[in-house]
Amino acid sequence: SANFSGNLYDVEQYEVEADTGYID
């Protein structure tokens, strides 16, 4: 949201797994 990309576009974000630190 602090960047132009978060202001111009509708953004959702994925996360890493809490227990492994890897992307699921």
PDBML (XML) file of the C-alpha atoms, coordinates in Angstrom:
<?xml version="1.0" encoding="UTF-8" ?>
<PDBx:datablock datablockName="MODEL"
   xmlns:PDBx="http://pdbml.pdb.org/schema/pdbx-v50.xsd"
   xmlns:xsi="http://www.w3.org/2001/XMLSchema-instance"
   xsi:schemaLocation="http://pdbml.pdb.org/schema/pdbx-v50.xsd pdbx-v50.xsd">
   <PDBx:atom_siteCategory>
      <PDBx:atom_site id="1">
         <PDBx:B_iso_or_equiv>0.00</PDBx:B_iso_or_equiv>
         <PDBx:Cartn_x>0.000</PDBx:Cartn_x>
         <PDBx:Cartn_y>0.000</PDBx:Cartn_y>
         <PDBx:Cartn_z>0.000</PDBx:Cartn_z>
         <PDBx:auth_asym_id>A</PDBx:auth_asym_id>
         <PDBx:auth_atom_id>CA</PDBx:auth_atom_id>
         <PDBx:auth_comp_id>SER</PDBx:auth_comp_id>
         <PDBx:auth_seq_id>1</PDBx:auth_seq_id>
         <PDBx:group_PDB>ATOM</PDBx:group_PDB>
         <PDBx:label_alt_id xsi:nil="true" />
         <PDBx:label_asym_id>A</PDBx:label_asym_id>
         <PDBx:label_atom_id>CA</PDBx:label_atom_id>
         <PDBx:label_comp_id>SER</PDBx:label_comp_id>
         <PDBx:label_entity_id>1</PDBx:label_entity_id>
         <PDBx:label_seq_id>1</PDBx:label_seq_id>
         <PDBx:occupancy>1.00</PDBx:occupancy>
         <PDBx:pdbx_PDB_model_num>1</PDBx:pdbx_PDB_model_num>
         <PDBx:type_symbol>C</PDBx:type_symbol>
      </PDBx:atom_site>
      <PDBx:atom_site id="2">
         <PDBx:B_iso_or_equiv>0.00</PDBx:B_iso_or_equiv>
         <PDBx:Cartn_x>2.969</PDBx:Cartn_x>
         <PDBx:Cartn_y>2.357</PDBx:Cartn_y>
         <PDBx:Cartn_z>0.441</PDBx:Cartn_z>
         <PDBx:auth_asym_id>A</PDBx:auth_asym_id>
         <PDBx:auth_atom_id>CA</PDBx:auth_atom_id>
         <PDBx:auth_comp_id>ALA</PDBx:auth_comp_id>
         <PDBx:auth_seq_id>2</PDBx:auth_seq_id>
         <PDBx:group_PDB>ATOM</PDBx:group_PDB>
         <PDBx:label_alt_id xsi:nil="true" />
         <PDBx:label_asym_id>A</PDBx:label_asym_id>
         <PDBx:label_atom_id>CA</PDBx:label_atom_id>
         <PDBx:label_comp_id>ALA</PDBx:label_comp_id>
         <PDBx:label_entity_id>1</PDBx:label_entity_id>
         <PDBx:label_seq_id>2</PDBx:label_seq_id>
         <PDBx:occupancy>1.00</PDBx:occupancy>
         <PDBx:pdbx_PDB_model_num>1</PDBx:pdbx_PDB_model_num>
         <PDBx:type_symbol>C</PDBx:type_symbol>
      </PDBx:atom_site>
      <PDBx:atom_site id="3">
         <PDBx:B_iso_or_equiv>0.00</PDBx:B_iso_or_equiv>
         <PDBx:Cartn_x>3.965</PDBx:Cartn_x>
         <PDBx:Cartn_y>1.822</PDBx:Cartn_y>
         <PDBx:Cartn_z>-3.207</PDBx:Cartn_z>
         <PDBx:auth_asym_id>A</PDBx:auth_asym_id>
         <PDBx:auth_atom_id>CA</PDBx:auth_atom_id>
         <PDBx:auth_comp_id>ASN</PDBx:auth_comp_id>
         <PDBx:auth_seq_id>3</PDBx:auth_seq_id>
         <PDBx:group_PDB>ATOM</PDBx:group_PDB>
         <PDBx:label_alt_id xsi:nil="true" />
         <PDBx:label_asym_id>A</PDBx:label_asym_id>
         <PDBx:label_atom_id>CA</PDBx:label_atom_id>
         <PDBx:label_comp_id>ASN</PDBx:label_comp_id>
         <PDBx:label_entity_id>1</PDBx:label_entity_id>
         <PDBx:label_seq_id>3</PDBx:label_seq_id>
         <PDBx:occupancy>1.00</PDBx:occupancy>
         <PDBx:pdbx_PDB_model_num>1</PDBx:pdbx_PDB_model_num>
         <PDBx:type_symbol>C</PDBx:type_symbol>
      </PDBx:atom_site>
      <PDBx:atom_site id="4">
         <PDBx:B_iso_or_equiv>0.00</PDBx:B_iso_or_equiv>
         <PDBx:Cartn_x>2.297</PDBx:Cartn_x>
         <PDBx:Cartn_y>2.930</PDBx:Cartn_y>
         <PDBx:Cartn_z>-6.449</PDBx:Cartn_z>
         <PDBx:auth_asym_id>A</PDBx:auth_asym_id>
         <PDBx:auth_atom_id>CA</PDBx:auth_atom_id>
         <PDBx:auth_comp_id>PHE</PDBx:auth_comp_id>
         <PDBx:auth_seq_id>4</PDBx:auth_seq_id>
         <PDBx:group_PDB>ATOM</PDBx:group_PDB>
         <PDBx:label_alt_id xsi:nil="true" />
         <PDBx:label_asym_id>A</PDBx:label_asym_id>
         <PDBx:label_atom_id>CA</PDBx:label_atom_id>
         <PDBx:label_comp_id>PHE</PDBx:label_comp_id>
         <PDBx:label_entity_id>1</PDBx:label_entity_id>
         <PDBx:label_seq_id>4</PDBx:label_seq_id>
         <PDBx:occupancy>1.00</PDBx:occupancy>
         <PDBx:pdbx_PDB_model_num>1</PDBx:pdbx_PDB_model_num>
         <PDBx:type_symbol>C</PDBx:type_symbol>
      </PDBx:atom_site>
      <PDBx:atom_site id="5">
         <PDBx:B_iso_or_equiv>0.00</PDBx:B_iso_or_equiv>
         <PDBx:Cartn_x>1.485</PDBx:Cartn_x>
         <PDBx:Cartn_y>-0.714</PDBx:Cartn_y>
         <PDBx:Cartn_z>-7.172</PDBx:Cartn_z>
         <PDBx:auth_asym_id>A</PDBx:auth_asym_id>
         <PDBx:auth_atom_id>CA</PDBx:auth_atom_id>
         <PDBx:auth_comp_id>SER</PDBx:auth_comp_id>
         <PDBx:auth_seq_id>5</PDBx:auth_seq_id>
         <PDBx:group_PDB>ATOM</PDBx:group_PDB>
         <PDBx:label_alt_id xsi:nil="true" />
         <PDBx:label_asym_id>A</PDBx:label_asym_id>
         <PDBx:label_atom_id>CA</PDBx:label_atom_id>
         <PDBx:label_comp_id>SER</PDBx:label_comp_id>
         <PDBx:label_entity_id>1</PDBx:label_entity_id>
         <PDBx:label_seq_id>5</PDBx:label_seq_id>
         <PDBx:occupancy>1.00</PDBx:occupancy>
         <PDBx:pdbx_PDB_model_num>1</PDBx:pdbx_PDB_model_num>
         <PDBx:type_symbol>C</PDBx:type_symbol>
      </PDBx:atom_site>
      <PDBx:atom_site id="6">
         <PDBx:B_iso_or_equiv>0.00</PDBx:B_iso_or_equiv>
         <PDBx:Cartn_x>-0.702</PDBx:Cartn_x>
         <PDBx:Cartn_y>-0.987</PDBx:Cartn_y>
         <PDBx:Cartn_z>-4.096</PDBx:Cartn_z>
         <PDBx:auth_asym_id>A</PDBx:auth_asym_id>
         <PDBx:auth_atom_id>CA</PDBx:auth_atom_id>
         <PDBx:auth_comp_id>GLY</PDBx:auth_comp_id>
         <PDBx:auth_seq_id>6</PDBx:auth_seq_id>
         <PDBx:group_PDB>ATOM</PDBx:group_PDB>
         <PDBx:label_alt_id xsi:nil="true" />
         <PDBx:label_asym_id>A</PDBx:label_asym_id>
         <PDBx:label_atom_id>CA</PDBx:label_atom_id>
         <PDBx:label_comp_id>GLY</PDBx:label_comp_id>
         <PDBx:label_entity_id>1</PDBx:label_entity_id>
         <PDBx:label_seq_id>6</PDBx:label_seq_id>
         <PDBx:occupancy>1.00</PDBx:occupancy>
         <PDBx:pdbx_PDB_model_num>1</PDBx:pdbx_PDB_model_num>
         <PDBx:type_symbol>C</PDBx:type_symbol>
      </PDBx:atom_site>
      <PDBx:atom_site id="7">
         <PDBx:B_iso_or_equiv>0.00</PDBx:B_iso_or_equiv>
         <PDBx:Cartn_x>-2.507</PDBx:Cartn_x>
         <PDBx:Cartn_y>2.233</PDBx:Cartn_y>
         <PDBx:Cartn_z>-4.945</PDBx:Cartn_z>
         <PDBx:auth_asym_id>A</PDBx:auth_asym_id>
         <PDBx:auth_atom_id>CA</PDBx:auth_atom_id>
         <PDBx:auth_comp_id>ASN</PDBx:auth_comp_id>
         <PDBx:auth_seq_id>7</PDBx:auth_seq_id>
         <PDBx:group_PDB>ATOM</PDBx:group_PDB>
         <PDBx:label_alt_id xsi:nil="true" />
         <PDBx:label_asym_id>A</PDBx:label_asym_id>
         <PDBx:label_atom_id>CA</PDBx:label_atom_id>
         <PDBx:label_comp_id>ASN</PDBx:label_comp_id>
         <PDBx:label_entity_id>1</PDBx:label_entity_id>
         <PDBx:label_seq_id>7</PDBx:label_seq_id>
         <PDBx:occupancy>1.00</PDBx:occupancy>
         <PDBx:pdbx_PDB_model_num>1</PDBx:pdbx_PDB_model_num>
         <PDBx:type_symbol>C</PDBx:type_symbol>
      </PDBx:atom_site>
      <PDBx:atom_site id="8">
         <PDBx:B_iso_or_equiv>0.00</PDBx:B_iso_or_equiv>
         <PDBx:Cartn_x>-3.170</PDBx:Cartn_x>
         <PDBx:Cartn_y>1.565</PDBx:Cartn_y>
         <PDBx:Cartn_z>-8.626</PDBx:Cartn_z>
         <PDBx:auth_asym_id>A</PDBx:auth_asym_id>
         <PDBx:auth_atom_id>CA</PDBx:auth_atom_id>
         <PDBx:auth_comp_id>LEU</PDBx:auth_comp_id>
         <PDBx:auth_seq_id>8</PDBx:auth_seq_id>
         <PDBx:group_PDB>ATOM</PDBx:group_PDB>
         <PDBx:label_alt_id xsi:nil="true" />
         <PDBx:label_asym_id>A</PDBx:label_asym_id>
         <PDBx:label_atom_id>CA</PDBx:label_atom_id>
         <PDBx:label_comp_id>LEU</PDBx:label_comp_id>
         <PDBx:label_entity_id>1</PDBx:label_entity_id>
         <PDBx:label_seq_id>8</PDBx:label_seq_id>
         <PDBx:occupancy>1.00</PDBx:occupancy>
         <PDBx:pdbx_PDB_model_num>1</PDBx:pdbx_PDB_model_num>
         <PDBx:type_symbol>C</PDBx:type_symbol>
      </PDBx:atom_site>
      <PDBx:atom_site id="9">
         <PDBx:B_iso_or_equiv>0.00</PDBx:B_iso_or_equiv>
         <PDBx:Cartn_x>-4.166</PDBx:Cartn_x>
         <PDBx:Cartn_y>-2.084</PDBx:Cartn_y>
         <PDBx:Cartn_z>-8.430</PDBx:Cartn_z>
         <PDBx:auth_asym_id>A</PDBx:auth_asym_id>
         <PDBx:auth_atom_id>CA</PDBx:auth_atom_id>
         <PDBx:auth_comp_id>TYR</PDBx:auth_comp_id>
         <PDBx:auth_seq_id>9</PDBx:auth_seq_id>
         <PDBx:group_PDB>ATOM</PDBx:group_PDB>
         <PDBx:label_alt_id xsi:nil="true" />
         <PDBx:label_asym_id>A</PDBx:label_asym_id>
         <PDBx:label_atom_id>CA</PDBx:label_atom_id>
         <PDBx:label_comp_id>TYR</PDBx:label_comp_id>
         <PDBx:label_entity_id>1</PDBx:label_entity_id>
         <PDBx:label_seq_id>9</PDBx:label_seq_id>
         <PDBx:occupancy>1.00</PDBx:occupancy>
         <PDBx:pdbx_PDB_model_num>1</PDBx:pdbx_PDB_model_num>
         <PDBx:type_symbol>C</PDBx:type_symbol>
      </PDBx:atom_site>
      <PDBx:atom_site id="10">
         <PDBx:B_iso_or_equiv>0.00</PDBx:B_iso_or_equiv>
         <PDBx:Cartn_x>-6.400</PDBx:Cartn_x>
         <PDBx:Cartn_y>-4.370</PDBx:Cartn_y>
         <PDBx:Cartn_z>-6.372</PDBx:Cartn_z>
         <PDBx:auth_asym_id>A</PDBx:auth_asym_id>
         <PDBx:auth_atom_id>CA</PDBx:auth_atom_id>
         <PDBx:auth_comp_id>ASP</PDBx:auth_comp_id>
         <PDBx:auth_seq_id>10</PDBx:auth_seq_id>
         <PDBx:group_PDB>ATOM</PDBx:group_PDB>
         <PDBx:label_alt_id xsi:nil="true" />
         <PDBx:label_asym_id>A</PDBx:label_asym_id>
         <PDBx:label_atom_id>CA</PDBx:label_atom_id>
         <PDBx:label_comp_id>ASP</PDBx:label_comp_id>
         <PDBx:label_entity_id>1</PDBx:label_entity_id>
         <PDBx:label_seq_id>10</PDBx:label_seq_id>
         <PDBx:occupancy>1.00</PDBx:occupancy>
         <PDBx:pdbx_PDB_model_num>1</PDBx:pdbx_PDB_model_num>
         <PDBx:type_symbol>C</PDBx:type_symbol>
      </PDBx:atom_site>
      <PDBx:atom_site id="11">
         <PDBx:B_iso_or_equiv>0.00</PDBx:B_iso_or_equiv>
         <PDBx:Cartn_x>-3.882</PDBx:Cartn_x>
         <PDBx:Cartn_y>-6.551</PDBx:Cartn_y>
         <PDBx:Cartn_z>-4.570</PDBx:Cartn_z>
         <PDBx:auth_asym_id>A</PDBx:auth_asym_id>
         <PDBx:auth_atom_id>CA</PDBx:auth_atom_id>
         <PDBx:auth_comp_id>VAL</PDBx:auth_comp_id>
         <PDBx:auth_seq_id>11</PDBx:auth_seq_id>
         <PDBx:group_PDB>ATOM</PDBx:group_PDB>
         <PDBx:label_alt_id xsi:nil="true" />
         <PDBx:label_asym_id>A</PDBx:label_asym_id>
         <PDBx:label_atom_id>CA</PDBx:label_atom_id>
         <PDBx:label_comp_id>VAL</PDBx:label_comp_id>
         <PDBx:label_entity_id>1</PDBx:label_entity_id>
         <PDBx:label_seq_id>11</PDBx:label_seq_id>
         <PDBx:occupancy>1.00</PDBx:occupancy>
         <PDBx:pdbx_PDB_model_num>1</PDBx:pdbx_PDB_model_num>
         <PDBx:type_symbol>C</PDBx:type_symbol>
      </PDBx:atom_site>
      <PDBx:atom_site id="12">
         <PDBx:B_iso_or_equiv>0.00</PDBx:B_iso_or_equiv>
         <PDBx:Cartn_x>-4.195</PDBx:Cartn_x>
         <PDBx:Cartn_y>-9.657</PDBx:Cartn_y>
         <PDBx:Cartn_z>-2.461</PDBx:Cartn_z>
         <PDBx:auth_asym_id>A</PDBx:auth_asym_id>
         <PDBx:auth_atom_id>CA</PDBx:auth_atom_id>
         <PDBx:auth_comp_id>GLU</PDBx:auth_comp_id>
         <PDBx:auth_seq_id>12</PDBx:auth_seq_id>
         <PDBx:group_PDB>ATOM</PDBx:group_PDB>
         <PDBx:label_alt_id xsi:nil="true" />
         <PDBx:label_asym_id>A</PDBx:label_asym_id>
         <PDBx:label_atom_id>CA</PDBx:label_atom_id>
         <PDBx:label_comp_id>GLU</PDBx:label_comp_id>
         <PDBx:label_entity_id>1</PDBx:label_entity_id>
         <PDBx:label_seq_id>12</PDBx:label_seq_id>
         <PDBx:occupancy>1.00</PDBx:occupancy>
         <PDBx:pdbx_PDB_model_num>1</PDBx:pdbx_PDB_model_num>
         <PDBx:type_symbol>C</PDBx:type_symbol>
      </PDBx:atom_site>
      <PDBx:atom_site id="13">
         <PDBx:B_iso_or_equiv>0.00</PDBx:B_iso_or_equiv>
         <PDBx:Cartn_x>-1.208</PDBx:Cartn_x>
         <PDBx:Cartn_y>-11.524</PDBx:Cartn_y>
         <PDBx:Cartn_z>-1.146</PDBx:Cartn_z>
         <PDBx:auth_asym_id>A</PDBx:auth_asym_id>
         <PDBx:auth_atom_id>CA</PDBx:auth_atom_id>
         <PDBx:auth_comp_id>GLN</PDBx:auth_comp_id>
         <PDBx:auth_seq_id>13</PDBx:auth_seq_id>
         <PDBx:group_PDB>ATOM</PDBx:group_PDB>
         <PDBx:label_alt_id xsi:nil="true" />
         <PDBx:label_asym_id>A</PDBx:label_asym_id>
         <PDBx:label_atom_id>CA</PDBx:label_atom_id>
         <PDBx:label_comp_id>GLN</PDBx:label_comp_id>
         <PDBx:label_entity_id>1</PDBx:label_entity_id>
         <PDBx:label_seq_id>13</PDBx:label_seq_id>
         <PDBx:occupancy>1.00</PDBx:occupancy>
         <PDBx:pdbx_PDB_model_num>1</PDBx:pdbx_PDB_model_num>
         <PDBx:type_symbol>C</PDBx:type_symbol>
      </PDBx:atom_site>
      <PDBx:atom_site id="14">
         <PDBx:B_iso_or_equiv>0.00</PDBx:B_iso_or_equiv>
         <PDBx:Cartn_x>-0.179</PDBx:Cartn_x>
         <PDBx:Cartn_y>-15.078</PDBx:Cartn_y>
         <PDBx:Cartn_z>-0.398</PDBx:Cartn_z>
         <PDBx:auth_asym_id>A</PDBx:auth_asym_id>
         <PDBx:auth_atom_id>CA</PDBx:auth_atom_id>
         <PDBx:auth_comp_id>TYR</PDBx:auth_comp_id>
         <PDBx:auth_seq_id>14</PDBx:auth_seq_id>
         <PDBx:group_PDB>ATOM</PDBx:group_PDB>
         <PDBx:label_alt_id xsi:nil="true" />
         <PDBx:label_asym_id>A</PDBx:label_asym_id>
         <PDBx:label_atom_id>CA</PDBx:label_atom_id>
         <PDBx:label_comp_id>TYR</PDBx:label_comp_id>
         <PDBx:label_entity_id>1</PDBx:label_entity_id>
         <PDBx:label_seq_id>14</PDBx:label_seq_id>
         <PDBx:occupancy>1.00</PDBx:occupancy>
         <PDBx:pdbx_PDB_model_num>1</PDBx:pdbx_PDB_model_num>
         <PDBx:type_symbol>C</PDBx:type_symbol>
      </PDBx:atom_site>
      <PDBx:atom_site id="15">
         <PDBx:B_iso_or_equiv>0.00</PDBx:B_iso_or_equiv>
         <PDBx:Cartn_x>2.047</PDBx:Cartn_x>
         <PDBx:Cartn_y>-16.051</PDBx:Cartn_y>
         <PDBx:Cartn_z>2.527</PDBx:Cartn_z>
         <PDBx:auth_asym_id>A</PDBx:auth_asym_id>
         <PDBx:auth_atom_id>CA</PDBx:auth_atom_id>
         <PDBx:auth_comp_id>GLU</PDBx:auth_comp_id>
         <PDBx:auth_seq_id>15</PDBx:auth_seq_id>
         <PDBx:group_PDB>ATOM</PDBx:group_PDB>
         <PDBx:label_alt_id xsi:nil="true" />
         <PDBx:label_asym_id>A</PDBx:label_asym_id>
         <PDBx:label_atom_id>CA</PDBx:label_atom_id>
         <PDBx:label_comp_id>GLU</PDBx:label_comp_id>
         <PDBx:label_entity_id>1</PDBx:label_entity_id>
         <PDBx:label_seq_id>15</PDBx:label_seq_id>
         <PDBx:occupancy>1.00</PDBx:occupancy>
         <PDBx:pdbx_PDB_model_num>1</PDBx:pdbx_PDB_model_num>
         <PDBx:type_symbol>C</PDBx:type_symbol>
      </PDBx:atom_site>
      <PDBx:atom_site id="16">
         <PDBx:B_iso_or_equiv>0.00</PDBx:B_iso_or_equiv>
         <PDBx:Cartn_x>4.503</PDBx:Cartn_x>
         <PDBx:Cartn_y>-18.696</PDBx:Cartn_y>
         <PDBx:Cartn_z>3.653</PDBx:Cartn_z>
         <PDBx:auth_asym_id>A</PDBx:auth_asym_id>
         <PDBx:auth_atom_id>CA</PDBx:auth_atom_id>
         <PDBx:auth_comp_id>VAL</PDBx:auth_comp_id>
         <PDBx:auth_seq_id>16</PDBx:auth_seq_id>
         <PDBx:group_PDB>ATOM</PDBx:group_PDB>
         <PDBx:label_alt_id xsi:nil="true" />
         <PDBx:label_asym_id>A</PDBx:label_asym_id>
         <PDBx:label_atom_id>CA</PDBx:label_atom_id>
         <PDBx:label_comp_id>VAL</PDBx:label_comp_id>
         <PDBx:label_entity_id>1</PDBx:label_entity_id>
         <PDBx:label_seq_id>16</PDBx:label_seq_id>
         <PDBx:occupancy>1.00</PDBx:occupancy>
         <PDBx:pdbx_PDB_model_num>1</PDBx:pdbx_PDB_model_num>
         <PDBx:type_symbol>C</PDBx:type_symbol>
      </PDBx:atom_site>
      <PDBx:atom_site id="17">
         <PDBx:B_iso_or_equiv>0.00</PDBx:B_iso_or_equiv>
         <PDBx:Cartn_x>3.424</PDBx:Cartn_x>
         <PDBx:Cartn_y>-21.459</PDBx:Cartn_y>
         <PDBx:Cartn_z>6.010</PDBx:Cartn_z>
         <PDBx:auth_asym_id>A</PDBx:auth_asym_id>
         <PDBx:auth_atom_id>CA</PDBx:auth_atom_id>
         <PDBx:auth_comp_id>GLU</PDBx:auth_comp_id>
         <PDBx:auth_seq_id>17</PDBx:auth_seq_id>
         <PDBx:group_PDB>ATOM</PDBx:group_PDB>
         <PDBx:label_alt_id xsi:nil="true" />
         <PDBx:label_asym_id>A</PDBx:label_asym_id>
         <PDBx:label_atom_id>CA</PDBx:label_atom_id>
         <PDBx:label_comp_id>GLU</PDBx:label_comp_id>
         <PDBx:label_entity_id>1</PDBx:label_entity_id>
         <PDBx:label_seq_id>17</PDBx:label_seq_id>
         <PDBx:occupancy>1.00</PDBx:occupancy>
         <PDBx:pdbx_PDB_model_num>1</PDBx:pdbx_PDB_model_num>
         <PDBx:type_symbol>C</PDBx:type_symbol>
      </PDBx:atom_site>
      <PDBx:atom_site id="18">
         <PDBx:B_iso_or_equiv>0.00</PDBx:B_iso_or_equiv>
         <PDBx:Cartn_x>3.862</PDBx:Cartn_x>
         <PDBx:Cartn_y>-20.441</PDBx:Cartn_y>
         <PDBx:Cartn_z>9.634</PDBx:Cartn_z>
         <PDBx:auth_asym_id>A</PDBx:auth_asym_id>
         <PDBx:auth_atom_id>CA</PDBx:auth_atom_id>
         <PDBx:auth_comp_id>ALA</PDBx:auth_comp_id>
         <PDBx:auth_seq_id>18</PDBx:auth_seq_id>
         <PDBx:group_PDB>ATOM</PDBx:group_PDB>
         <PDBx:label_alt_id xsi:nil="true" />
         <PDBx:label_asym_id>A</PDBx:label_asym_id>
         <PDBx:label_atom_id>CA</PDBx:label_atom_id>
         <PDBx:label_comp_id>ALA</PDBx:label_comp_id>
         <PDBx:label_entity_id>1</PDBx:label_entity_id>
         <PDBx:label_seq_id>18</PDBx:label_seq_id>
         <PDBx:occupancy>1.00</PDBx:occupancy>
         <PDBx:pdbx_PDB_model_num>1</PDBx:pdbx_PDB_model_num>
         <PDBx:type_symbol>C</PDBx:type_symbol>
      </PDBx:atom_site>
      <PDBx:atom_site id="19">
         <PDBx:B_iso_or_equiv>0.00</PDBx:B_iso_or_equiv>
         <PDBx:Cartn_x>5.437</PDBx:Cartn_x>
         <PDBx:Cartn_y>-23.728</PDBx:Cartn_y>
         <PDBx:Cartn_z>10.723</PDBx:Cartn_z>
         <PDBx:auth_asym_id>A</PDBx:auth_asym_id>
         <PDBx:auth_atom_id>CA</PDBx:auth_atom_id>
         <PDBx:auth_comp_id>ASP</PDBx:auth_comp_id>
         <PDBx:auth_seq_id>19</PDBx:auth_seq_id>
         <PDBx:group_PDB>ATOM</PDBx:group_PDB>
         <PDBx:label_alt_id xsi:nil="true" />
         <PDBx:label_asym_id>A</PDBx:label_asym_id>
         <PDBx:label_atom_id>CA</PDBx:label_atom_id>
         <PDBx:label_comp_id>ASP</PDBx:label_comp_id>
         <PDBx:label_entity_id>1</PDBx:label_entity_id>
         <PDBx:label_seq_id>19</PDBx:label_seq_id>
         <PDBx:occupancy>1.00</PDBx:occupancy>
         <PDBx:pdbx_PDB_model_num>1</PDBx:pdbx_PDB_model_num>
         <PDBx:type_symbol>C</PDBx:type_symbol>
      </PDBx:atom_site>
      <PDBx:atom_site id="20">
         <PDBx:B_iso_or_equiv>0.00</PDBx:B_iso_or_equiv>
         <PDBx:Cartn_x>7.819</PDBx:Cartn_x>
         <PDBx:Cartn_y>-24.289</PDBx:Cartn_y>
         <PDBx:Cartn_z>7.790</PDBx:Cartn_z>
         <PDBx:auth_asym_id>A</PDBx:auth_asym_id>
         <PDBx:auth_atom_id>CA</PDBx:auth_atom_id>
         <PDBx:auth_comp_id>THR</PDBx:auth_comp_id>
         <PDBx:auth_seq_id>20</PDBx:auth_seq_id>
         <PDBx:group_PDB>ATOM</PDBx:group_PDB>
         <PDBx:label_alt_id xsi:nil="true" />
         <PDBx:label_asym_id>A</PDBx:label_asym_id>
         <PDBx:label_atom_id>CA</PDBx:label_atom_id>
         <PDBx:label_comp_id>THR</PDBx:label_comp_id>
         <PDBx:label_entity_id>1</PDBx:label_entity_id>
         <PDBx:label_seq_id>20</PDBx:label_seq_id>
         <PDBx:occupancy>1.00</PDBx:occupancy>
         <PDBx:pdbx_PDB_model_num>1</PDBx:pdbx_PDB_model_num>
         <PDBx:type_symbol>C</PDBx:type_symbol>
      </PDBx:atom_site>
      <PDBx:atom_site id="21">
         <PDBx:B_iso_or_equiv>0.00</PDBx:B_iso_or_equiv>
         <PDBx:Cartn_x>8.589</PDBx:Cartn_x>
         <PDBx:Cartn_y>-20.883</PDBx:Cartn_y>
         <PDBx:Cartn_z>6.289</PDBx:Cartn_z>
         <PDBx:auth_asym_id>A</PDBx:auth_asym_id>
         <PDBx:auth_atom_id>CA</PDBx:auth_atom_id>
         <PDBx:auth_comp_id>GLY</PDBx:auth_comp_id>
         <PDBx:auth_seq_id>21</PDBx:auth_seq_id>
         <PDBx:group_PDB>ATOM</PDBx:group_PDB>
         <PDBx:label_alt_id xsi:nil="true" />
         <PDBx:label_asym_id>A</PDBx:label_asym_id>
         <PDBx:label_atom_id>CA</PDBx:label_atom_id>
         <PDBx:label_comp_id>GLY</PDBx:label_comp_id>
         <PDBx:label_entity_id>1</PDBx:label_entity_id>
         <PDBx:label_seq_id>21</PDBx:label_seq_id>
         <PDBx:occupancy>1.00</PDBx:occupancy>
         <PDBx:pdbx_PDB_model_num>1</PDBx:pdbx_PDB_model_num>
         <PDBx:type_symbol>C</PDBx:type_symbol>
      </PDBx:atom_site>
      <PDBx:atom_site id="22">
         <PDBx:B_iso_or_equiv>0.00</PDBx:B_iso_or_equiv>
         <PDBx:Cartn_x>7.903</PDBx:Cartn_x>
         <PDBx:Cartn_y>-22.339</PDBx:Cartn_y>
         <PDBx:Cartn_z>2.822</PDBx:Cartn_z>
         <PDBx:auth_asym_id>A</PDBx:auth_asym_id>
         <PDBx:auth_atom_id>CA</PDBx:auth_atom_id>
         <PDBx:auth_comp_id>TYR</PDBx:auth_comp_id>
         <PDBx:auth_seq_id>22</PDBx:auth_seq_id>
         <PDBx:group_PDB>ATOM</PDBx:group_PDB>
         <PDBx:label_alt_id xsi:nil="true" />
         <PDBx:label_asym_id>A</PDBx:label_asym_id>
         <PDBx:label_atom_id>CA</PDBx:label_atom_id>
         <PDBx:label_comp_id>TYR</PDBx:label_comp_id>
         <PDBx:label_entity_id>1</PDBx:label_entity_id>
         <PDBx:label_seq_id>22</PDBx:label_seq_id>
         <PDBx:occupancy>1.00</PDBx:occupancy>
         <PDBx:pdbx_PDB_model_num>1</PDBx:pdbx_PDB_model_num>
         <PDBx:type_symbol>C</PDBx:type_symbol>
      </PDBx:atom_site>
      <PDBx:atom_site id="23">
         <PDBx:B_iso_or_equiv>0.00</PDBx:B_iso_or_equiv>
         <PDBx:Cartn_x>5.312</PDBx:Cartn_x>
         <PDBx:Cartn_y>-21.231</PDBx:Cartn_y>
         <PDBx:Cartn_z>0.266</PDBx:Cartn_z>
         <PDBx:auth_asym_id>A</PDBx:auth_asym_id>
         <PDBx:auth_atom_id>CA</PDBx:auth_atom_id>
         <PDBx:auth_comp_id>ILE</PDBx:auth_comp_id>
         <PDBx:auth_seq_id>23</PDBx:auth_seq_id>
         <PDBx:group_PDB>ATOM</PDBx:group_PDB>
         <PDBx:label_alt_id xsi:nil="true" />
         <PDBx:label_asym_id>A</PDBx:label_asym_id>
         <PDBx:label_atom_id>CA</PDBx:label_atom_id>
         <PDBx:label_comp_id>ILE</PDBx:label_comp_id>
         <PDBx:label_entity_id>1</PDBx:label_entity_id>
         <PDBx:label_seq_id>23</PDBx:label_seq_id>
         <PDBx:occupancy>1.00</PDBx:occupancy>
         <PDBx:pdbx_PDB_model_num>1</PDBx:pdbx_PDB_model_num>
         <PDBx:type_symbol>C</PDBx:type_symbol>
      </PDBx:atom_site>
      <PDBx:atom_site id="24">
         <PDBx:B_iso_or_equiv>0.00</PDBx:B_iso_or_equiv>
         <PDBx:Cartn_x>2.365</PDBx:Cartn_x>
         <PDBx:Cartn_y>-23.612</PDBx:Cartn_y>
         <PDBx:Cartn_z>0.037</PDBx:Cartn_z>
         <PDBx:auth_asym_id>A</PDBx:auth_asym_id>
         <PDBx:auth_atom_id>CA</PDBx:auth_atom_id>
         <PDBx:auth_comp_id>ASP</PDBx:auth_comp_id>
         <PDBx:auth_seq_id>24</PDBx:auth_seq_id>
         <PDBx:group_PDB>ATOM</PDBx:group_PDB>
         <PDBx:label_alt_id xsi:nil="true" />
         <PDBx:label_asym_id>A</PDBx:label_asym_id>
         <PDBx:label_atom_id>CA</PDBx:label_atom_id>
         <PDBx:label_comp_id>ASP</PDBx:label_comp_id>
         <PDBx:label_entity_id>1</PDBx:label_entity_id>
         <PDBx:label_seq_id>24</PDBx:label_seq_id>
         <PDBx:occupancy>1.00</PDBx:occupancy>
         <PDBx:pdbx_PDB_model_num>1</PDBx:pdbx_PDB_model_num>
         <PDBx:type_symbol>C</PDBx:type_symbol>
      </PDBx:atom_site>
   </PDBx:atom_siteCategory>
</PDBx:datablock>
